[in-house]
Protein backbone atom coordinates (compact mmCIF):
# COMPACT_ATOMS: atom_id res chain seq x y z
CA UNK A 1 38.28 -13.40 14.91
CA UNK A 2 41.25 -10.99 14.47
CA UNK A 3 39.55 -9.15 11.62
CA UNK A 4 36.36 -8.81 13.62
CA UNK A 5 38.28 -7.32 16.58
CA UNK A 6 40.21 -4.98 14.30
CA UNK A 7 36.98 -3.80 12.71
CA UNK A 8 35.56 -3.12 16.17
CA UNK A 9 38.67 -1.12 17.13
CA UNK A 10 38.40 0.99 13.98
CA UNK A 11 34.75 1.72 14.73
CA UNK A 12 35.62 2.78 18.25
CA UNK A 13 38.31 5.16 16.94
CA UNK A 14 35.85 6.90 14.60
CA UNK A 15 33.97 9.95 15.90
CA UNK A 16 30.94 8.61 17.69
CA UNK A 17 32.15 5.07 16.96
CA UNK A 18 31.34 3.65 20.38
CA UNK A 19 27.87 5.20 20.33
CA UNK A 20 27.19 3.87 16.83
CA UNK A 21 28.26 0.38 17.89
CA UNK A 22 26.02 0.55 20.95
CA UNK A 23 23.06 1.59 18.81
CA UNK A 24 23.75 -1.24 16.37
CA UNK A 25 23.84 -3.79 19.18
CA UNK A 26 20.64 -2.34 20.63
CA UNK A 27 18.87 -2.46 17.26
CA UNK A 28 19.87 -6.07 16.71
CA UNK A 29 18.57 -6.95 20.15
CA UNK A 30 15.26 -5.23 19.40
CA UNK A 31 14.96 -7.14 16.12
CA UNK A 32 15.53 -10.44 17.93
CA UNK A 33 12.89 -9.55 20.51
CA UNK A 34 10.40 -8.60 17.77
CA UNK A 35 11.09 -11.82 15.87
CA UNK A 36 10.60 -13.86 19.05
CA UNK A 37 7.32 -12.06 19.72
CA UNK A 38 6.05 -12.81 16.20
CA UNK A 39 7.06 -16.46 16.53
CA UNK A 40 5.25 -16.74 19.86
CA UNK A 41 2.09 -15.14 18.48
CA UNK A 42 2.01 -17.52 15.52
CA UNK A 43 2.79 -20.56 17.67
CA UNK A 44 0.06 -19.69 20.18
CA UNK A 45 -2.47 -19.60 17.36
CA UNK A 46 -1.25 -22.99 16.15
CA UNK A 47 -1.42 -24.46 19.65
CA UNK A 48 -4.98 -23.15 20.10
CA UNK A 49 -6.07 -25.01 16.96
CA UNK A 50 -4.32 -28.20 18.04
CA UNK A 51 -5.90 -28.16 21.50
CA UNK A 52 -9.30 -28.57 19.84
CA UNK A 53 -7.98 -31.41 17.69
CA UNK A 54 -6.45 -33.08 20.76
CA UNK A 55 -9.81 -32.92 22.53
CA UNK A 56 -11.50 -34.65 19.58
CA UNK A 57 -8.74 -37.28 19.31
CA UNK A 58 -9.07 -38.08 23.00
CA UNK A 59 -12.81 -38.60 22.65
CA UNK A 60 -12.56 -40.77 19.54
CA UNK A 61 -9.47 -42.80 20.44
CA UNK A 62 -9.80 -42.91 24.25
CA UNK A 63 -6.47 -41.14 24.47
CA UNK A 64 -5.14 -38.44 26.79
CA UNK A 65 -3.27 -36.06 24.49
CA UNK A 66 -2.33 -32.59 25.57
CA UNK A 67 -0.58 -29.83 23.62
CA UNK A 68 2.28 -28.05 25.42
CA UNK A 69 2.25 -24.27 25.22
CA UNK A 70 3.90 -22.10 22.56
CA UNK A 71 7.06 -21.50 24.59
CA UNK A 72 7.60 -25.26 24.92
CA UNK A 73 6.94 -25.85 21.22
CA UNK A 74 9.50 -23.21 20.18
CA UNK A 75 12.06 -24.60 22.63
CA UNK A 76 11.55 -28.17 21.37
CA UNK A 77 11.40 -27.95 17.55
CA UNK A 78 10.73 -31.23 15.80
CA UNK A 79 10.65 -30.75 12.04
CA UNK A 80 8.62 -31.31 9.98
CA UNK A 81 6.02 -30.98 12.75
CA UNK A 82 4.80 -27.51 13.71
CA UNK A 83 3.19 -28.70 16.95
CA UNK A 84 3.68 -31.79 19.11
CA UNK A 85 0.89 -33.66 20.94
CA UNK A 86 2.02 -35.44 24.14
CA UNK A 87 0.20 -38.13 26.08
CA UNK A 88 -0.36 -36.94 29.65
CA UNK A 89 0.10 -40.46 31.05
CA UNK A 90 2.78 -41.52 28.59
CA UNK A 91 0.55 -44.40 27.48
CA UNK A 92 0.41 -43.11 23.90
CA UNK A 93 3.27 -42.10 21.62
CA UNK A 94 3.71 -38.41 20.84
CA UNK A 95 2.24 -37.13 17.62
CA UNK A 96 3.27 -34.32 15.34
CA UNK A 97 1.04 -31.94 13.39
CA UNK A 98 1.52 -29.49 10.60
CA UNK A 99 -0.73 -26.43 10.59
CA UNK A 100 -2.15 -24.59 7.62
CA UNK A 101 -4.94 -22.09 7.06
CA UNK A 102 -7.56 -21.68 4.39
CA UNK A 103 -6.14 -19.75 1.43
CA UNK A 104 -8.40 -16.93 0.36
CA UNK A 105 -8.87 -15.81 -3.23
CA UNK A 106 -10.29 -17.09 -6.48
CA UNK A 107 -6.86 -17.96 -7.91
CA UNK A 108 -4.77 -20.92 -6.80
CA UNK A 109 -1.72 -18.67 -6.67
CA UNK A 110 -3.45 -16.24 -4.30
CA UNK A 111 -2.61 -17.89 -0.99
CA UNK A 112 -1.76 -14.69 0.86
CA UNK A 113 -5.12 -14.12 2.53
CA UNK A 114 -5.58 -15.56 5.99
CA UNK A 115 -8.01 -14.99 8.85
CA UNK A 116 -5.09 -13.93 11.02
CA UNK A 117 -4.02 -11.34 8.46
CA UNK A 118 -2.29 -8.37 10.14
CA UNK A 119 -4.23 -5.97 7.92
CA UNK A 120 -7.43 -6.83 9.78
CA UNK A 121 -5.91 -6.09 13.16
CA UNK A 122 -4.48 -2.79 11.93
CA UNK A 123 -7.87 -1.71 10.60
CA UNK A 124 -9.73 -2.74 13.76
CA UNK A 125 -7.22 -1.04 16.03
CA UNK A 126 -7.04 2.13 13.89
CA UNK A 127 -10.81 2.61 13.64
CA UNK A 128 -11.38 1.89 17.33
CA UNK A 129 -8.69 4.34 18.45
CA UNK A 130 -10.03 7.03 16.10
CA UNK A 131 -13.58 6.53 17.41
CA UNK A 132 -12.39 6.68 21.02
CA UNK A 133 -10.71 10.00 20.29
CA UNK A 134 -14.10 11.27 19.13
CA UNK A 135 -15.71 10.07 22.35
CA UNK A 136 -17.57 7.05 20.94
CA UNK A 137 -18.71 4.33 23.33
CA UNK A 138 -21.38 1.63 23.58
CA UNK A 139 -21.16 0.32 20.00
CA UNK A 140 -20.28 -2.82 18.10
CA UNK A 141 -19.04 -2.04 14.60
CA UNK A 142 -18.80 -4.73 11.92
CA UNK A 143 -16.71 -3.97 8.83
CA UNK A 144 -16.73 -6.32 5.84
CA UNK A 145 -13.67 -6.08 3.63
CA UNK A 146 -13.27 -6.61 -0.08
CA UNK A 147 -10.49 -8.83 -1.42
CA UNK A 148 -8.26 -5.78 -1.87
CA UNK A 149 -9.00 -4.78 1.69
CA UNK A 150 -7.66 -8.14 2.80
CA UNK A 151 -4.58 -8.06 0.61
CA UNK A 152 -3.40 -4.52 1.32
CA UNK A 153 -2.75 -2.65 4.54
CA UNK A 154 -5.23 0.21 4.95
CA UNK A 155 -3.78 3.68 4.57
CA UNK A 156 -4.28 6.21 7.33
CA UNK A 157 -6.54 8.23 5.03
CA UNK A 158 -8.79 5.21 4.46
CA UNK A 159 -9.02 4.52 8.19
CA UNK A 160 -9.96 8.16 8.74
CA UNK A 161 -12.62 8.04 5.98
CA UNK A 162 -14.12 4.87 7.45
CA UNK A 163 -14.09 6.32 10.95
CA UNK A 164 -15.87 9.46 9.79
CA UNK A 165 -18.47 7.38 7.93
CA UNK A 166 -19.17 5.44 11.14
CA UNK A 167 -19.17 8.52 13.36
CA UNK A 168 -21.78 10.25 11.20
CA UNK A 169 -24.17 7.34 11.80
CA UNK A 170 -23.41 6.65 15.45
CA UNK A 171 -26.89 7.36 16.74
CA UNK A 172 -29.46 5.35 18.71
CA UNK A 173 -30.57 2.12 17.10
CA UNK A 174 -28.79 -0.22 14.68
CA UNK A 175 -27.63 1.05 11.29
CA UNK A 176 -25.95 -0.27 8.14
CA UNK A 177 -24.18 1.26 5.15
CA UNK A 178 -24.15 -0.92 2.00
CA UNK A 179 -21.39 -0.85 -0.58
CA UNK A 180 -23.32 1.43 -2.92
CA UNK A 181 -23.54 4.15 -0.27
CA UNK A 182 -19.88 3.71 0.59
CA UNK A 183 -19.04 4.19 -3.10
CA UNK A 184 -21.07 7.39 -3.19
CA UNK A 185 -19.17 8.64 -0.16
CA UNK A 186 -15.69 7.62 -1.32
CA UNK A 187 -14.60 5.50 -4.29
CA UNK A 188 -11.26 4.96 -2.56
CA UNK A 189 -12.95 3.62 0.57
CA UNK A 190 -15.25 1.38 -1.49
CA UNK A 191 -12.23 -0.41 -2.91
CA UNK A 192 -11.51 -2.10 0.40
CA UNK A 193 -14.78 -2.01 2.37
CA UNK A 194 -17.90 -3.77 1.07
CA UNK A 195 -20.27 -2.75 3.88
CA UNK A 196 -20.27 -1.56 7.48
CA UNK A 197 -22.88 -1.80 10.22
CA UNK A 198 -23.28 -1.07 13.91
CA UNK A 199 -25.60 -1.47 16.84
CA UNK A 200 -25.59 -0.12 20.41
CA UNK A 201 -24.18 -2.06 23.36
CA UNK A 202 -25.66 -1.52 26.79
CA UNK A 203 -22.30 -2.39 28.36
CA UNK A 204 -20.77 0.80 27.05
CA UNK A 205 -17.93 -1.11 25.36
CA UNK A 206 -16.62 -0.19 21.93
CA UNK A 207 -15.97 -3.19 19.69
CA UNK A 208 -14.72 -3.09 16.11
CA UNK A 209 -14.70 -6.34 14.13
CA UNK A 210 -13.47 -6.66 10.55
CA UNK A 211 -13.73 -9.66 8.25
CA UNK A 212 -14.39 -10.81 4.75
CA UNK A 213 -17.54 -9.74 2.99
CA UNK A 214 -17.36 -11.68 -0.26
CA UNK A 215 -15.47 -14.15 -2.45
CA UNK A 216 -16.37 -17.27 -0.47
CA UNK A 217 -16.81 -20.19 -2.91
CA UNK A 218 -19.86 -22.39 -2.66
CA UNK A 219 -17.95 -25.63 -3.13
CA UNK A 220 -14.99 -27.48 -1.61
CA UNK A 221 -12.33 -25.23 -3.18
CA UNK A 222 -11.03 -23.56 -0.05
CA UNK A 223 -10.39 -26.83 1.77
CA UNK A 224 -8.94 -28.44 -1.32
CA UNK A 225 -6.60 -25.49 -1.88
CA UNK A 226 -5.43 -25.55 1.73
CA UNK A 227 -4.56 -29.25 1.48
CA UNK A 228 -2.94 -28.85 -1.94
CA UNK A 229 -0.86 -25.87 -0.82
CA UNK A 230 0.56 -27.79 2.12
CA UNK A 231 1.13 -31.01 0.15
CA UNK A 232 2.95 -29.18 -2.66
CA UNK A 233 5.12 -27.03 -0.36
CA UNK A 234 8.71 -27.53 -1.52
CA UNK A 235 9.88 -27.15 2.07
CA UNK A 236 8.35 -30.53 2.88
CA UNK A 237 8.67 -32.28 -0.48
CA UNK A 238 11.62 -34.40 0.64
CA UNK A 239 10.23 -35.13 4.12
CA UNK A 240 7.96 -37.96 5.22
CA UNK A 241 4.66 -36.52 6.41
CA UNK A 242 2.76 -39.82 6.46
CA UNK A 243 2.76 -39.99 10.28
CA UNK A 244 1.69 -36.36 10.76
CA UNK A 245 -1.70 -34.82 11.39
CA UNK A 246 -2.67 -31.93 9.11
CA UNK A 247 -4.67 -29.29 10.98
CA UNK A 248 -6.54 -26.68 8.94
CA UNK A 249 -7.55 -23.44 10.62
CA UNK A 250 -10.70 -22.43 8.78
CA UNK A 251 -12.00 -19.55 10.94
CA UNK A 252 -15.11 -17.91 9.44
CA UNK A 253 -14.33 -18.90 5.86
CA UNK A 254 -15.78 -22.41 5.92
CA UNK A 255 -19.42 -23.40 6.29
CA UNK A 256 -20.84 -26.89 7.01
CA UNK A 257 -21.75 -27.36 3.34
CA UNK A 258 -18.14 -26.88 2.26
CA UNK A 259 -17.03 -29.69 4.56
CA UNK A 260 -19.72 -32.10 3.39
CA UNK A 261 -18.91 -31.38 -0.25
CA UNK A 262 -15.21 -31.93 0.34
CA UNK A 263 -15.84 -35.24 2.09
CA UNK A 264 -18.08 -36.39 -0.74
CA UNK A 265 -15.90 -35.36 -3.68
CA UNK A 266 -12.27 -35.68 -2.53
CA UNK A 267 -10.17 -38.82 -2.13
CA UNK A 268 -8.49 -38.95 1.30
CA UNK A 269 -5.99 -41.59 0.13
CA UNK A 270 -4.33 -38.94 -2.05
CA UNK A 271 -3.45 -36.83 0.99
CA UNK A 272 0.06 -37.70 2.34
CA UNK A 273 -0.91 -37.17 6.00
CA UNK A 274 -2.15 -39.79 8.45
CA UNK A 275 -5.10 -37.60 9.43
CA UNK A 276 -6.64 -34.28 8.39
CA UNK A 277 -8.70 -32.11 10.72
CA UNK A 278 -10.41 -28.79 10.14
CA UNK A 279 -11.17 -26.26 12.89
CA UNK A 280 -14.09 -24.04 11.75
CA UNK A 281 -15.64 -21.03 13.43
CA UNK A 282 -19.20 -22.39 13.38
CA UNK A 283 -18.39 -25.16 15.87
CA UNK A 284 -16.40 -25.51 19.07
CA UNK A 285 -15.25 -28.94 17.88
CA UNK A 286 -12.58 -29.91 15.38
CA UNK A 287 -13.99 -31.94 12.46
CA UNK A 288 -12.13 -34.87 10.85
CA UNK A 289 -11.68 -34.90 7.07
CA UNK A 290 -9.43 -37.96 6.98
CA UNK A 291 -9.07 -40.62 9.65
CA UNK A 292 -7.32 -44.02 9.68
CA UNK A 293 -9.73 -46.89 9.17
CA UNK A 294 -8.23 -48.51 12.26
CA UNK A 295 -6.96 -45.55 14.30
CA UNK A 296 -3.55 -46.01 15.75
CA UNK A 297 -1.14 -43.62 17.37
CA UNK A 298 1.93 -42.61 15.39
CA UNK A 299 5.14 -41.30 16.83
CA UNK A 300 6.17 -37.73 16.28
CA UNK A 301 8.95 -37.36 13.72
CA UNK A 302 12.48 -37.84 15.01
């Protein structure tokens, strides 16, 4: 304590010391606010997935589970659970869930690609803002990314190239630019965009959507990798997850055939979670991959 106070006194004696200390305190405060904002964003996405699982659990088990909001979840941490389900009436014990997402890539070690990847949002926001500056309106633009486009943040020059490519074709009627044409226009752009298309919107809105354009396996691999990645996570290796629900956010990566193949070829008893649910984009319902033979409610971890 004495050393800390002495250090502060020395800083205040230095030219501009008080101002430097004030800036340091302000920067630390900003970092805490940014970290809190990131945590809230992630937790809200997790809660949204779990709300769909809770709805399905209530229908199947005649329960009344609800999922408190992200602020509550962050204020009431309960490791190793990411999210807690609470019975509205108190008739059922609370349940904990861990959340994971589908890893994207052909290699097991390539688990960095997610549907909530910040690179997608940066691209969508950058292209939309650049088009608005040009006066564009009344279009929906779909951009399909390559694997590199998912892994790496787009450079400003690439966003500008893509915007110009779109702007040149922003005319009446739908249009599409395949990868070959993108390559002819810019080899650099073709490294992270596989194709782009657009069609007019009578509402006058300007929408830019980006997503994956390739590398989706035709078998169960994505689901299997998501489960394996969570089960082998060293963070949880010493913790008991047998009472937890595993919730997989699949977004647009998973198709019905992937789920059926996984159910047919994988052994649920090897998964160290009480239940496993997947939340795909093609349905408004969560889909069970593993369920107890005689469903029973398990308490959330203490």
